[in-house]
Amino acid sequence: MKLTNSEWQLMNCLWERHPATARGIAERLPDDVTWAYTTIRTLLARLVDKGAVREYKEGKTSLYEPLLARDTARRSALKTLVNQAFDGAYGPLMHFLVNDRRLSRQQREALARILENQSEKKGE
């Protein structure tokens, strides 16, 4: 499922704390997000329509909770990125990450350990 940047912001709030009201989500958005309450409700309605969020009522109050798991959303976003920027191949993505100057030596070593551990788990 593809999420827009705005939808990611709302989902991040919901993944951190749910269920939540639209006002509760508005309070937890970053300071640079100055959306009107109606905008947040519209975005939440879109997420409900997409099947990413469930809406239910407690009295007159709408509460929202994520149906889409964070890992599932990340996997989908990564697959889209790999398809668009790396012709669907993960090898060039890994090469790009390892050679990125912003990646510290410790981060490179941690990445190497993760890959090694995965290889050992799969018996490769």
PDB file of N, CA and C in Angstrom:
ATOM      1  N   MET A   1       0.851  -1.172   0.000  1.00  0.00           N
ATOM      2  CA  MET A   1       0.000   0.000   0.000  1.00  0.00           C
ATOM      3  C   MET A   1       0.899   1.238   0.000  1.00  0.00           C
ATOM      4  N   LYS A   2       0.641   2.124  -0.908  1.00  0.00           N
ATOM      5  CA  LYS A   2       1.438   3.335  -1.034  1.00  0.00           C
ATOM      6  C   LYS A   2       0.815   4.444  -0.188  1.00  0.00           C
ATOM      7  N   LEU A   3       1.643   5.063   0.632  1.00  0.00           N
ATOM      8  CA  LEU A   3       1.215   6.173   1.475  1.00  0.00           C
ATOM      9  C   LEU A   3       1.859   7.460   0.987  1.00  0.00           C
ATOM     10  N   THR A   4       1.103   8.546   1.045  1.00  0.00           N
ATOM     11  CA  THR A   4       1.662   9.859   0.727  1.00  0.00           C
ATOM     12  C   THR A   4       2.492  10.330   1.923  1.00  0.00           C
ATOM     13  N   ASN A   5       3.273  11.373   1.727  1.00  0.00           N
ATOM     14  CA  ASN A   5       4.064  11.933   2.831  1.00  0.00           C
ATOM     15  C   ASN A   5       3.166  12.357   3.998  1.00  0.00           C
ATOM     16  N   SER A   6       2.039  12.961   3.686  1.00  0.00           N
ATOM     17  CA  SER A   6       1.102  13.390   4.733  1.00  0.00           C
ATOM     18  C   SER A   6       0.533  12.191   5.477  1.00  0.00           C
ATOM     19  N   GLU A   7       0.196  11.147   4.743  1.00  0.00           N
ATOM     20  CA  GLU A   7      -0.335   9.942   5.372  1.00  0.00           C
ATOM     21  C   GLU A   7       0.707   9.270   6.268  1.00  0.00           C
ATOM     22  N   TRP A   8       1.976   9.299   5.839  1.00  0.00           N
ATOM     23  CA  TRP A   8       3.047   8.757   6.680  1.00  0.00           C
ATOM     24  C   TRP A   8       3.084   9.468   8.025  1.00  0.00           C
ATOM     25  N   GLN A   9       2.926  10.796   8.008  1.00  0.00           N
ATOM     26  CA  GLN A   9       2.981  11.555   9.258  1.00  0.00           C
ATOM     27  C   GLN A   9       1.863  11.140  10.210  1.00  0.00           C
ATOM     28  N   LEU A  10       0.671  10.959   9.667  1.00  0.00           N
ATOM     29  CA  LEU A  10      -0.441  10.524  10.514  1.00  0.00           C
ATOM     30  C   LEU A  10      -0.233   9.101  11.014  1.00  0.00           C
ATOM     31  N   MET A  11       0.227   8.223  10.118  1.00  0.00           N
ATOM     32  CA  MET A  11       0.450   6.829  10.507  1.00  0.00           C
ATOM     33  C   MET A  11       1.519   6.734  11.592  1.00  0.00           C
ATOM     34  N   ASN A  12       2.579   7.543  11.480  1.00  0.00           N
ATOM     35  CA  ASN A  12       3.618   7.527  12.515  1.00  0.00           C
ATOM     36  C   ASN A  12       3.030   7.875  13.884  1.00  0.00           C
ATOM     37  N   CYS A  13       2.126   8.846  13.917  1.00  0.00           N
ATOM     38  CA  CYS A  13       1.456   9.200  15.176  1.00  0.00           C
ATOM     39  C   CYS A  13       0.622   8.032  15.688  1.00  0.00           C
ATOM     40  N   LEU A  14      -0.091   7.374  14.787  1.00  0.00           N
ATOM     41  CA  LEU A  14      -0.934   6.252  15.198  1.00  0.00           C
ATOM     42  C   LEU A  14      -0.109   5.041  15.629  1.00  0.00           C
ATOM     43  N   TRP A  15       0.992   4.779  14.936  1.00  0.00           N
ATOM     44  CA  TRP A  15       1.830   3.651  15.327  1.00  0.00           C
ATOM     45  C   TRP A  15       2.431   3.875  16.712  1.00  0.00           C
ATOM     46  N   GLU A  16       2.712   5.116  17.040  1.00  0.00           N
ATOM     47  CA  GLU A  16       3.302   5.427  18.343  1.00  0.00           C
ATOM     48  C   GLU A  16       2.281   5.312  19.475  1.00  0.00           C
ATOM     49  N   ARG A  17       1.047   5.734  19.218  1.00  0.00           N
ATOM     50  CA  ARG A  17       0.026   5.698  20.262  1.00  0.00           C
ATOM     51  C   ARG A  17      -1.357   5.569  19.634  1.00  0.00           C
ATOM     52  N   HIS A  18      -2.026   4.492  19.965  1.00  0.00           N
ATOM     53  CA  HIS A  18      -3.373   4.278  19.466  1.00  0.00           C
ATOM     54  C   HIS A  18      -4.193   3.508  20.484  1.00  0.00           C
ATOM     55  N   PRO A  19      -5.505   3.627  20.450  1.00  0.00           N
ATOM     56  CA  PRO A  19      -6.269   4.455  19.524  1.00  0.00           C
ATOM     57  C   PRO A  19      -6.066   5.943  19.828  1.00  0.00           C
ATOM     58  N   ALA A  20      -6.430   6.752  18.844  1.00  0.00           N
ATOM     59  CA  ALA A  20      -6.251   8.196  18.993  1.00  0.00           C
ATOM     60  C   ALA A  20      -7.388   8.932  18.297  1.00  0.00           C
ATOM     61  N   THR A  21      -7.686  10.093  18.816  1.00  0.00           N
ATOM     62  CA  THR A  21      -8.649  10.977  18.152  1.00  0.00           C
ATOM     63  C   THR A  21      -7.897  11.841  17.142  1.00  0.00           C
ATOM     64  N   ALA A  22      -8.636  12.486  16.268  1.00  0.00           N
ATOM     65  CA  ALA A  22      -8.011  13.401  15.302  1.00  0.00           C
ATOM     66  C   ALA A  22      -7.304  14.535  16.047  1.00  0.00           C
ATOM     67  N   ARG A  23      -7.901  15.020  17.114  1.00  0.00           N
ATOM     68  CA  ARG A  23      -7.266  16.100  17.898  1.00  0.00           C
ATOM     69  C   ARG A  23      -5.999  15.589  18.580  1.00  0.00           C
ATOM     70  N   GLY A  24      -6.037  14.382  19.087  1.00  0.00           N
ATOM     71  CA  GLY A  24      -4.852  13.811  19.714  1.00  0.00           C
ATOM     72  C   GLY A  24      -3.713  13.663  18.724  1.00  0.00           C
ATOM     73  N   ILE A  25      -4.056  13.270  17.511  1.00  0.00           N
ATOM     74  CA  ILE A  25      -3.041  13.160  16.457  1.00  0.00           C
ATOM     75  C   ILE A  25      -2.489  14.544  16.126  1.00  0.00           C
ATOM     76  N   ALA A  26      -3.366  15.527  16.006  1.00  0.00           N
ATOM     77  CA  ALA A  26      -2.947  16.899  15.683  1.00  0.00           C
ATOM     78  C   ALA A  26      -1.941  17.415  16.710  1.00  0.00           C
ATOM     79  N   GLU A  27      -2.144  17.071  17.974  1.00  0.00           N
ATOM     80  CA  GLU A  27      -1.245  17.533  19.038  1.00  0.00           C
ATOM     81  C   GLU A  27       0.130  16.883  18.952  1.00  0.00           C
ATOM     82  N   ARG A  28       0.210  15.698  18.354  1.00  0.00           N
ATOM     83  CA  ARG A  28       1.485  14.981  18.291  1.00  0.00           C
ATOM     84  C   ARG A  28       2.230  15.165  16.972  1.00  0.00           C
ATOM     85  N   LEU A  29       1.655  15.896  16.043  1.00  0.00           N
ATOM     86  CA  LEU A  29       2.344  16.154  14.774  1.00  0.00           C
ATOM     87  C   LEU A  29       3.511  17.107  15.018  1.00  0.00           C
ATOM     88  N   PRO A  30       4.551  17.021  14.190  1.00  0.00           N
ATOM     89  CA  PRO A  30       5.678  17.948  14.338  1.00  0.00           C
ATOM     90  C   PRO A  30       5.217  19.403  14.267  1.00  0.00           C
ATOM     91  N   ASP A  31       5.971  20.282  14.904  1.00  0.00           N
ATOM     92  CA  ASP A  31       5.605  21.703  14.975  1.00  0.00           C
ATOM     93  C   ASP A  31       5.478  22.359  13.608  1.00  0.00           C
ATOM     94  N   ASP A  32       6.241  21.865  12.621  1.00  0.00           N
ATOM     95  CA  ASP A  32       6.180  22.504  11.306  1.00  0.00           C
ATOM     96  C   ASP A  32       4.938  22.081  10.510  1.00  0.00           C
ATOM     97  N   VAL A  33       4.153  21.151  11.017  1.00  0.00           N
ATOM     98  CA  VAL A  33       2.907  20.744  10.362  1.00  0.00           C
ATOM     99  C   VAL A  33       1.788  21.593  10.950  1.00  0.00           C
ATOM    100  N   THR A  34       1.197  22.414  10.095  1.00  0.00           N
ATOM    101  CA  THR A  34       0.178  23.362  10.560  1.00  0.00           C
ATOM    102  C   THR A  34      -1.161  23.111   9.870  1.00  0.00           C
ATOM    103  N   TRP A  35      -1.515  21.851   9.730  1.00  0.00           N
ATOM    104  CA  TRP A  35      -2.766  21.516   9.061  1.00  0.00           C
ATOM    105  C   TRP A  35      -3.961  21.882   9.926  1.00  0.00           C
ATOM    106  N   ALA A  36      -5.025  22.249   9.241  1.00  0.00           N
ATOM    107  CA  ALA A  36      -6.291  22.479   9.918  1.00  0.00           C
ATOM    108  C   ALA A  36      -6.853  21.137  10.384  1.00  0.00           C
ATOM    109  N   TYR A  37      -7.694  21.186  11.395  1.00  0.00           N
ATOM    110  CA  TYR A  37      -8.331  19.979  11.915  1.00  0.00           C
ATOM    111  C   TYR A  37      -9.080  19.245  10.804  1.00  0.00           C
ATOM    112  N   THR A  38      -9.735  19.997   9.921  1.00  0.00           N
ATOM    113  CA  THR A  38     -10.494  19.369   8.827  1.00  0.00           C
ATOM    114  C   THR A  38      -9.577  18.629   7.857  1.00  0.00           C
ATOM    115  N   THR A  39      -8.380  19.130   7.667  1.00  0.00           N
ATOM    116  CA  THR A  39      -7.403  18.460   6.803  1.00  0.00           C
ATOM    117  C   THR A  39      -7.008  17.111   7.415  1.00  0.00           C
ATOM    118  N   ILE A  40      -6.781  17.107   8.710  1.00  0.00           N
ATOM    119  CA  ILE A  40      -6.423  15.862   9.394  1.00  0.00           C
ATOM    120  C   ILE A  40      -7.558  14.855   9.281  1.00  0.00           C
ATOM    121  N   ARG A  41      -8.778  15.317   9.462  1.00  0.00           N
ATOM    122  CA  ARG A  41      -9.941  14.413   9.328  1.00  0.00           C
ATOM    123  C   ARG A  41     -10.053  13.867   7.905  1.00  0.00           C
ATOM    124  N   THR A  42      -9.799  14.705   6.905  1.00  0.00           N
ATOM    125  CA  THR A  42      -9.843  14.255   5.513  1.00  0.00           C
ATOM    126  C   THR A  42      -8.778  13.201   5.249  1.00  0.00           C
ATOM    127  N   LEU A  43      -7.567  13.440   5.737  1.00  0.00           N
ATOM    128  CA  LEU A  43      -6.484  12.467   5.556  1.00  0.00           C
ATOM    129  C   LEU A  43      -6.795  11.159   6.279  1.00  0.00           C
ATOM    130  N   LEU A  44      -7.364  11.245   7.468  1.00  0.00           N
ATOM    131  CA  LEU A  44      -7.755  10.035   8.186  1.00  0.00           C
ATOM    132  C   LEU A  44      -8.836   9.264   7.427  1.00  0.00           C
ATOM    133  N   ALA A  45      -9.786   9.992   6.838  1.00  0.00           N
ATOM    134  CA  ALA A  45     -10.834   9.332   6.050  1.00  0.00           C
ATOM    135  C   ALA A  45     -10.223   8.599   4.851  1.00  0.00           C
ATOM    136  N   ARG A  46      -9.235   9.196   4.219  1.00  0.00           N
ATOM    137  CA  ARG A  46      -8.549   8.526   3.104  1.00  0.00           C
ATOM    138  C   ARG A  46      -7.847   7.257   3.579  1.00  0.00           C
ATOM    139  N   LEU A  47      -7.216   7.329   4.737  1.00  0.00           N
ATOM    140  CA  LEU A  47      -6.536   6.156   5.276  1.00  0.00           C
ATOM    141  C   LEU A  47      -7.525   5.053   5.626  1.00  0.00           C
ATOM    142  N   VAL A  48      -8.697   5.443   6.106  1.00  0.00           N
ATOM    143  CA  VAL A  48      -9.760   4.468   6.371  1.00  0.00           C
ATOM    144  C   VAL A  48     -10.196   3.824   5.055  1.00  0.00           C
ATOM    145  N   ASP A  49     -10.404   4.640   4.017  1.00  0.00           N
ATOM    146  CA  ASP A  49     -10.815   4.121   2.703  1.00  0.00           C
ATOM    147  C   ASP A  49      -9.774   3.176   2.114  1.00  0.00           C
ATOM    148  N   LYS A  50      -8.507   3.450   2.366  1.00  0.00           N
ATOM    149  CA  LYS A  50      -7.423   2.596   1.868  1.00  0.00           C
ATOM    150  C   LYS A  50      -7.301   1.283   2.648  1.00  0.00           C
ATOM    151  N   GLY A  51      -7.930   1.252   3.822  1.00  0.00           N
ATOM    152  CA  GLY A  51      -7.814   0.070   4.667  1.00  0.00           C
ATOM    153  C   GLY A  51      -6.592   0.088   5.570  1.00  0.00           C
ATOM    154  N   ALA A  52      -5.947   1.240   5.704  1.00  0.00           N
ATOM    155  CA  ALA A  52      -4.763   1.366   6.545  1.00  0.00           C
ATOM    156  C   ALA A  52      -5.125   1.678   7.997  1.00  0.00           C
ATOM    157  N   VAL A  53      -6.318   2.239   8.200  1.00  0.00           N
ATOM    158  CA  VAL A  53      -6.753   2.688   9.513  1.00  0.00           C
ATOM    159  C   VAL A  53      -8.206   2.264   9.723  1.00  0.00           C
ATOM    160  N   ARG A  54      -8.525   1.952  10.974  1.00  0.00           N
ATOM    161  CA  ARG A  54      -9.905   1.636  11.346  1.00  0.00           C
ATOM    162  C   ARG A  54     -10.434   2.798  12.174  1.00  0.00           C
ATOM    163  N   GLU A  55     -11.669   3.189  11.879  1.00  0.00           N
ATOM    164  CA  GLU A  55     -12.341   4.232  12.654  1.00  0.00           C
ATOM    165  C   GLU A  55     -13.509   3.588  13.394  1.00  0.00           C
ATOM    166  N   TYR A  56     -13.640   3.936  14.663  1.00  0.00           N
ATOM    167  CA  TYR A  56     -14.808   3.485  15.420  1.00  0.00           C
ATOM    168  C   TYR A  56     -15.205   4.596  16.381  1.00  0.00           C
ATOM    169  N   LYS A  57     -16.408   4.503  16.887  1.00  0.00           N
ATOM    170  CA  LYS A  57     -16.953   5.561  17.738  1.00  0.00           C
ATOM    171  C   LYS A  57     -17.019   5.115  19.190  1.00  0.00           C
ATOM    172  N   GLU A  58     -16.694   6.034  20.055  1.00  0.00           N
ATOM    173  CA  GLU A  58     -16.976   5.915  21.486  1.00  0.00           C
ATOM    174  C   GLU A  58     -17.817   7.127  21.815  1.00  0.00           C
ATOM    175  N   GLY A  59     -19.105   6.904  21.929  1.00  0.00           N
ATOM    176  CA  GLY A  59     -20.039   8.017  22.057  1.00  0.00           C
ATOM    177  C   GLY A  59     -20.050   8.777  20.746  1.00  0.00           C
ATOM    178  N   LYS A  60     -19.788  10.068  20.825  1.00  0.00           N
ATOM    179  CA  LYS A  60     -19.735  10.888  19.608  1.00  0.00           C
ATOM    180  C   LYS A  60     -18.312  11.072  19.096  1.00  0.00           C
ATOM    181  N   THR A  61     -17.353  10.480  19.770  1.00  0.00           N
ATOM    182  CA  THR A  61     -15.944  10.672  19.428  1.00  0.00           C
ATOM    183  C   THR A  61     -15.457   9.575  18.498  1.00  0.00           C
ATOM    184  N   SER A  62     -14.808   9.965  17.410  1.00  0.00           N
ATOM    185  CA  SER A  62     -14.183   9.002  16.503  1.00  0.00           C
ATOM    186  C   SER A  62     -12.790   8.674  17.003  1.00  0.00           C
ATOM    187  N   LEU A  63     -12.505   7.394  17.064  1.00  0.00           N
ATOM    188  CA  LEU A  63     -11.177   6.926  17.427  1.00  0.00           C
ATOM    189  C   LEU A  63     -10.585   6.180  16.245  1.00  0.00           C
ATOM    190  N   TYR A  64      -9.267   6.290  16.108  1.00  0.00           N
ATOM    191  CA  TYR A  64      -8.566   5.695  14.972  1.00  0.00           C
ATOM    192  C   TYR A  64      -7.458   4.792  15.486  1.00  0.00           C
ATOM    193  N   GLU A  65      -7.288   3.666  14.787  1.00  0.00           N
ATOM    194  CA  GLU A  65      -6.180   2.777  15.088  1.00  0.00           C
ATOM    195  C   GLU A  65      -5.647   2.194  13.794  1.00  0.00           C
ATOM    196  N   PRO A  66      -4.353   1.935  13.744  1.00  0.00           N
ATOM    197  CA  PRO A  66      -3.755   1.432  12.502  1.00  0.00           C
ATOM    198  C   PRO A  66      -4.139  -0.024  12.249  1.00  0.00           C
ATOM    199  N   LEU A  67      -4.466  -0.318  11.013  1.00  0.00           N
ATOM    200  CA  LEU A  67      -4.636  -1.694  10.555  1.00  0.00           C
ATOM    201  C   LEU A  67      -3.387  -2.135   9.799  1.00  0.00           C
ATOM    202  N   LEU A  68      -2.740  -1.176   9.179  1.00  0.00           N
ATOM    203  CA  LEU A  68      -1.513  -1.422   8.430  1.00  0.00           C
ATOM    204  C   LEU A  68      -0.342  -1.423   9.408  1.00  0.00           C
ATOM    205  N   ALA A  69       0.424  -2.501   9.418  1.00  0.00           N
ATOM    206  CA  ALA A  69       1.590  -2.584  10.292  1.00  0.00           C
ATOM    207  C   ALA A  69       2.713  -1.710   9.750  1.00  0.00           C
ATOM    208  N   ARG A  70       3.479  -1.147  10.654  1.00  0.00           N
ATOM    209  CA  ARG A  70       4.594  -0.281  10.267  1.00  0.00           C
ATOM    210  C   ARG A  70       5.584  -1.025   9.364  1.00  0.00           C
ATOM    211  N   ASP A  71       5.924  -2.264   9.708  1.00  0.00           N
ATOM    212  CA  ASP A  71       6.863  -3.034   8.886  1.00  0.00           C
ATOM    213  C   ASP A  71       6.326  -3.283   7.484  1.00  0.00           C
ATOM    214  N   THR A  72       5.029  -3.528   7.370  1.00  0.00           N
ATOM    215  CA  THR A  72       4.418  -3.739   6.054  1.00  0.00           C
ATOM    216  C   THR A  72       4.512  -2.466   5.214  1.00  0.00           C
ATOM    217  N   ALA A  73       4.240  -1.327   5.840  1.00  0.00           N
ATOM    218  CA  ALA A  73       4.327  -0.046   5.132  1.00  0.00           C
ATOM    219  C   ALA A  73       5.757   0.241   4.703  1.00  0.00           C
ATOM    220  N   ARG A  74       6.697  -0.022   5.590  1.00  0.00           N
ATOM    221  CA  ARG A  74       8.109   0.197   5.247  1.00  0.00           C
ATOM    222  C   ARG A  74       8.545  -0.701   4.109  1.00  0.00           C
ATOM    223  N   ARG A  75       8.146  -1.971   4.160  1.00  0.00           N
ATOM    224  CA  ARG A  75       8.516  -2.919   3.106  1.00  0.00           C
ATOM    225  C   ARG A  75       7.973  -2.449   1.748  1.00  0.00           C
ATOM    226  N   SER A  76       6.737  -1.981   1.748  1.00  0.00           N
ATOM    227  CA  SER A  76       6.123  -1.490   0.516  1.00  0.00           C
ATOM    228  C   SER A  76       6.843  -0.244   0.001  1.00  0.00           C
ATOM    229  N   ALA A  77       7.173   0.684   0.897  1.00  0.00           N
ATOM    230  CA  ALA A  77       7.877   1.910   0.493  1.00  0.00           C
ATOM    231  C   ALA A  77       9.270   1.581  -0.040  1.00  0.00           C
ATOM    232  N   LEU A  78       9.946   0.649   0.620  1.00  0.00           N
ATOM    233  CA  LEU A  78      11.281   0.257   0.164  1.00  0.00           C
ATOM    234  C   LEU A  78      11.216  -0.416  -1.205  1.00  0.00           C
ATOM    235  N   LYS A  79      10.226  -1.269  -1.392  1.00  0.00           N
ATOM    236  CA  LYS A  79      10.072  -1.940  -2.692  1.00  0.00           C
ATOM    237  C   LYS A  79       9.836  -0.914  -3.799  1.00  0.00           C
ATOM    238  N   THR A  80       9.023   0.089  -3.518  1.00  0.00           N
ATOM    239  CA  THR A  80       8.772   1.150  -4.500  1.00  0.00           C
ATOM    240  C   THR A  80      10.061   1.887  -4.810  1.00  0.00           C
ATOM    241  N   LEU A  81      10.825   2.250  -3.772  1.00  0.00           N
ATOM    242  CA  LEU A  81      12.099   2.943  -3.971  1.00  0.00           C
ATOM    243  C   LEU A  81      13.062   2.095  -4.793  1.00  0.00           C
ATOM    244  N   VAL A  82      13.194   0.831  -4.445  1.00  0.00           N
ATOM    245  CA  VAL A  82      14.115  -0.060  -5.168  1.00  0.00           C
ATOM    246  C   VAL A  82      13.694  -0.179  -6.623  1.00  0.00           C
ATOM    247  N   ASN A  83      12.412  -0.320  -6.866  1.00  0.00           N
ATOM    248  CA  ASN A  83      11.932  -0.429  -8.249  1.00  0.00           C
ATOM    249  C   ASN A  83      12.193   0.843  -9.045  1.00  0.00           C
ATOM    250  N   GLN A  84      11.981   1.993  -8.428  1.00  0.00           N
ATOM    251  CA  GLN A  84      12.129   3.255  -9.143  1.00  0.00           C
ATOM    252  C   GLN A  84      13.580   3.693  -9.286  1.00  0.00           C
ATOM    253  N   ALA A  85      14.363   3.555  -8.229  1.00  0.00           N
ATOM    254  CA  ALA A  85      15.705   4.126  -8.229  1.00  0.00           C
ATOM    255  C   ALA A  85      16.814   3.118  -8.532  1.00  0.00           C
ATOM    256  N   PHE A  86      16.526   1.824  -8.371  1.00  0.00           N
ATOM    257  CA  PHE A  86      17.575   0.817  -8.522  1.00  0.00           C
ATOM    258  C   PHE A  86      17.155  -0.322  -9.452  1.00  0.00           C
ATOM    259  N   ASP A  87      16.195  -0.037 -10.347  1.00  0.00           N
ATOM    260  CA  ASP A  87      15.724  -1.014 -11.335  1.00  0.00           C
ATOM    261  C   ASP A  87      15.310  -2.336 -10.705  1.00  0.00           C
ATOM    262  N   GLY A  88      14.776  -2.280  -9.497  1.00  0.00           N
ATOM    263  CA  GLY A  88      14.256  -3.466  -8.835  1.00  0.00           C
ATOM    264  C   GLY A  88      15.307  -4.354  -8.186  1.00  0.00           C
ATOM    265  N   ALA A  89      16.567  -3.935  -8.181  1.00  0.00           N
ATOM    266  CA  ALA A  89      17.654  -4.763  -7.645  1.00  0.00           C
ATOM    267  C   ALA A  89      18.118  -4.221  -6.289  1.00  0.00           C
ATOM    268  N   TYR A  90      18.191  -5.099  -5.316  1.00  0.00           N
ATOM    269  CA  TYR A  90      18.615  -4.692  -3.978  1.00  0.00           C
ATOM    270  C   TYR A  90      20.139  -4.559  -3.857  1.00  0.00           C
ATOM    271  N   GLY A  91      20.883  -5.270  -4.682  1.00  0.00           N
ATOM    272  CA  GLY A  91      22.340  -5.185  -4.643  1.00  0.00           C
ATOM    273  C   GLY A  91      22.847  -3.761  -4.832  1.00  0.00           C
ATOM    274  N   PRO A  92      22.409  -3.063  -5.885  1.00  0.00           N
ATOM    275  CA  PRO A  92      22.844  -1.676  -6.058  1.00  0.00           C
ATOM    276  C   PRO A  92      22.422  -0.760  -4.886  1.00  0.00           C
ATOM    277  N   LEU A  93      21.268  -1.053  -4.285  1.00  0.00           N
ATOM    278  CA  LEU A  93      20.846  -0.275  -3.115  1.00  0.00           C
ATOM    279  C   LEU A  93      21.831  -0.486  -1.969  1.00  0.00           C
ATOM    280  N   MET A  94      22.192  -1.732  -1.708  1.00  0.00           N
ATOM    281  CA  MET A  94      23.137  -2.026  -0.630  1.00  0.00           C
ATOM    282  C   MET A  94      24.494  -1.368  -0.912  1.00  0.00           C
ATOM    283  N   HIS A  95      24.942  -1.438  -2.154  1.00  0.00           N
ATOM    284  CA  HIS A  95      26.210  -0.808  -2.538  1.00  0.00           C
ATOM    285  C   HIS A  95      26.141   0.698  -2.289  1.00  0.00           C
ATOM    286  N   PHE A  96      25.035   1.294  -2.672  1.00  0.00           N
ATOM    287  CA  PHE A  96      24.836   2.727  -2.461  1.00  0.00           C
ATOM    288  C   PHE A  96      24.887   3.065  -0.970  1.00  0.00           C
ATOM    289  N   LEU A  97      24.208   2.269  -0.146  1.00  0.00           N
ATOM    290  CA  LEU A  97      24.182   2.536   1.287  1.00  0.00           C
ATOM    291  C   LEU A  97      25.563   2.411   1.916  1.00  0.00           C
ATOM    292  N   VAL A  98      26.265   1.345   1.569  1.00  0.00           N
ATOM    293  CA  VAL A  98      27.582   1.106   2.158  1.00  0.00           C
ATOM    294  C   VAL A  98      28.559   2.200   1.768  1.00  0.00           C
ATOM    295  N   ASN A  99      28.434   2.743   0.577  1.00  0.00           N
ATOM    296  CA  ASN A  99      29.361   3.771   0.107  1.00  0.00           C
ATOM    297  C   ASN A  99      28.922   5.199   0.435  1.00  0.00           C
ATOM    298  N   ASP A 100      27.770   5.345   1.075  1.00  0.00           N
ATOM    299  CA  ASP A 100      27.289   6.675   1.438  1.00  0.00           C
ATOM    300  C   ASP A 100      28.180   7.246   2.540  1.00  0.00           C
ATOM    301  N   ARG A 101      28.715   8.418   2.332  1.00  0.00           N
ATOM    302  CA  ARG A 101      29.642   9.039   3.286  1.00  0.00           C
ATOM    303  C   ARG A 101      28.982   9.371   4.612  1.00  0.00           C
ATOM    304  N   ARG A 102      27.674   9.483   4.621  1.00  0.00           N
ATOM    305  CA  ARG A 102      26.985   9.800   5.873  1.00  0.00           C
ATOM    306  C   ARG A 102      26.853   8.580   6.779  1.00  0.00           C
ATOM    307  N   LEU A 103      27.134   7.408   6.251  1.00  0.00           N
ATOM    308  CA  LEU A 103      27.075   6.181   7.040  1.00  0.00           C
ATOM    309  C   LEU A 103      28.395   6.038   7.802  1.00  0.00           C
ATOM    310  N   SER A 104      28.306   6.009   9.111  1.00  0.00           N
ATOM    311  CA  SER A 104      29.520   5.920   9.924  1.00  0.00           C
ATOM    312  C   SER A 104      30.137   4.525   9.833  1.00  0.00           C
ATOM    313  N   ARG A 105      31.368   4.427  10.280  1.00  0.00           N
ATOM    314  CA  ARG A 105      32.051   3.129  10.300  1.00  0.00           C
ATOM    315  C   ARG A 105      31.259   2.147  11.153  1.00  0.00           C
ATOM    316  N   GLN A 106      30.745   2.606  12.289  1.00  0.00           N
ATOM    317  CA  GLN A 106      29.975   1.747  13.176  1.00  0.00           C
ATOM    318  C   GLN A 106      28.685   1.267  12.495  1.00  0.00           C
ATOM    319  N   GLN A 107      28.044   2.150  11.746  1.00  0.00           N
ATOM    320  CA  GLN A 107      26.827   1.769  11.033  1.00  0.00           C
ATOM    321  C   GLN A 107      27.132   0.749   9.938  1.00  0.00           C
ATOM    322  N   ARG A 108      28.257   0.934   9.239  1.00  0.00           N
ATOM    323  CA  ARG A 108      28.669  -0.037   8.211  1.00  0.00           C
ATOM    324  C   ARG A 108      28.927  -1.404   8.845  1.00  0.00           C
ATOM    325  N   GLU A 109      29.625  -1.401   9.961  1.00  0.00           N
ATOM    326  CA  GLU A 109      29.922  -2.655  10.648  1.00  0.00           C
ATOM    327  C   GLU A 109      28.646  -3.331  11.137  1.00  0.00           C
ATOM    328  N   ALA A 110      27.716  -2.544  11.646  1.00  0.00           N
ATOM    329  CA  ALA A 110      26.440  -3.100  12.104  1.00  0.00           C
ATOM    330  C   ALA A 110      25.671  -3.704  10.927  1.00  0.00           C
ATOM    331  N   LEU A 111      25.679  -3.030   9.795  1.00  0.00           N
ATOM    332  CA  LEU A 111      25.029  -3.543   8.589  1.00  0.00           C
ATOM    333  C   LEU A 111      25.672  -4.856   8.146  1.00  0.00           C
ATOM    334  N   ALA A 112      26.994  -4.919   8.188  1.00  0.00           N
ATOM    335  CA  ALA A 112      27.697  -6.150   7.817  1.00  0.00           C
ATOM    336  C   ALA A 112      27.323  -7.289   8.757  1.00  0.00           C
ATOM    337  N   ARG A 113      27.213  -6.994  10.062  1.00  0.00           N
ATOM    338  CA  ARG A 113      26.828  -8.034  11.032  1.00  0.00           C
ATOM    339  C   ARG A 113      25.417  -8.535  10.767  1.00  0.00           C
ATOM    340  N   ILE A 114      24.509  -7.626  10.466  1.00  0.00           N
ATOM    341  CA  ILE A 114      23.124  -8.011  10.169  1.00  0.00           C
ATOM    342  C   ILE A 114      23.083  -8.934   8.962  1.00  0.00           C
ATOM    343  N   LEU A 115      23.799  -8.561   7.902  1.00  0.00           N
ATOM    344  CA  LEU A 115      23.818  -9.389   6.698  1.00  0.00           C
ATOM    345  C   LEU A 115      24.439 -10.751   6.986  1.00  0.00           C
ATOM    346  N   GLU A 116      25.503 -10.777   7.761  1.00  0.00           N
ATOM    347  CA  GLU A 116      26.152 -12.042   8.118  1.00  0.00           C
ATOM    348  C   GLU A 116      25.221 -12.930   8.930  1.00  0.00           C
ATOM    349  N   ASN A 117      24.538 -12.336   9.898  1.00  0.00           N
ATOM    350  CA  ASN A 117      23.595 -13.102  10.729  1.00  0.00           C
ATOM    351  C   ASN A 117      22.446 -13.667   9.898  1.00  0.00           C
ATOM    352  N   GLN A 118      21.962 -12.896   8.937  1.00  0.00           N
ATOM    353  CA  GLN A 118      20.896 -13.388   8.080  1.00  0.00           C
ATOM    354  C   GLN A 118      21.387 -14.541   7.217  1.00  0.00           C
ATOM    355  N   SER A 119      22.603 -14.443   6.718  1.00  0.00           N
ATOM    356  CA  SER A 119      23.183 -15.523   5.909  1.00  0.00           C
ATOM    357  C   SER A 119      23.293 -16.794   6.738  1.00  0.00           C
ATOM    358  N   GLU A 120      23.733 -16.661   7.991  1.00  0.00           N
ATOM    359  CA  GLU A 120      23.871 -17.830   8.867  1.00  0.00           C
ATOM    360  C   GLU A 120      22.518 -18.451   9.176  1.00  0.00           C
ATOM    361  N   LYS A 121      21.490 -17.626   9.397  1.00  0.00           N
ATOM    362  CA  LYS A 121      20.151 -18.145   9.674  1.00  0.00           C
ATOM    363  C   LYS A 121      19.590 -18.921   8.508  1.00  0.00           C
ATOM    364  N   LYS A 122      19.870 -18.458   7.308  1.00  0.00           N
ATOM    365  CA  LYS A 122      19.359 -19.111   6.107  1.00  0.00           C
ATOM    366  C   LYS A 122      20.257 -20.236   5.628  1.00  0.00           C
ATOM    367  N   GLY A 123      21.395 -20.419   6.285  1.00  0.00           N
ATOM    368  CA  GLY A 123      22.316 -21.491   5.900  1.00  0.00           C
ATOM    369  C   GLY A 123      23.035 -21.252   4.600  1.00  0.00           C
ATOM    370  N   GLU A 124      23.262 -20.007   4.297  1.00  0.00           N
ATOM    371  CA  GLU A 124      23.936 -19.662   3.022  1.00  0.00           C
ATOM    372  C   GLU A 124      25.427 -19.653   3.180  1.00  0.00           C
TER     373      GLU A 124
END
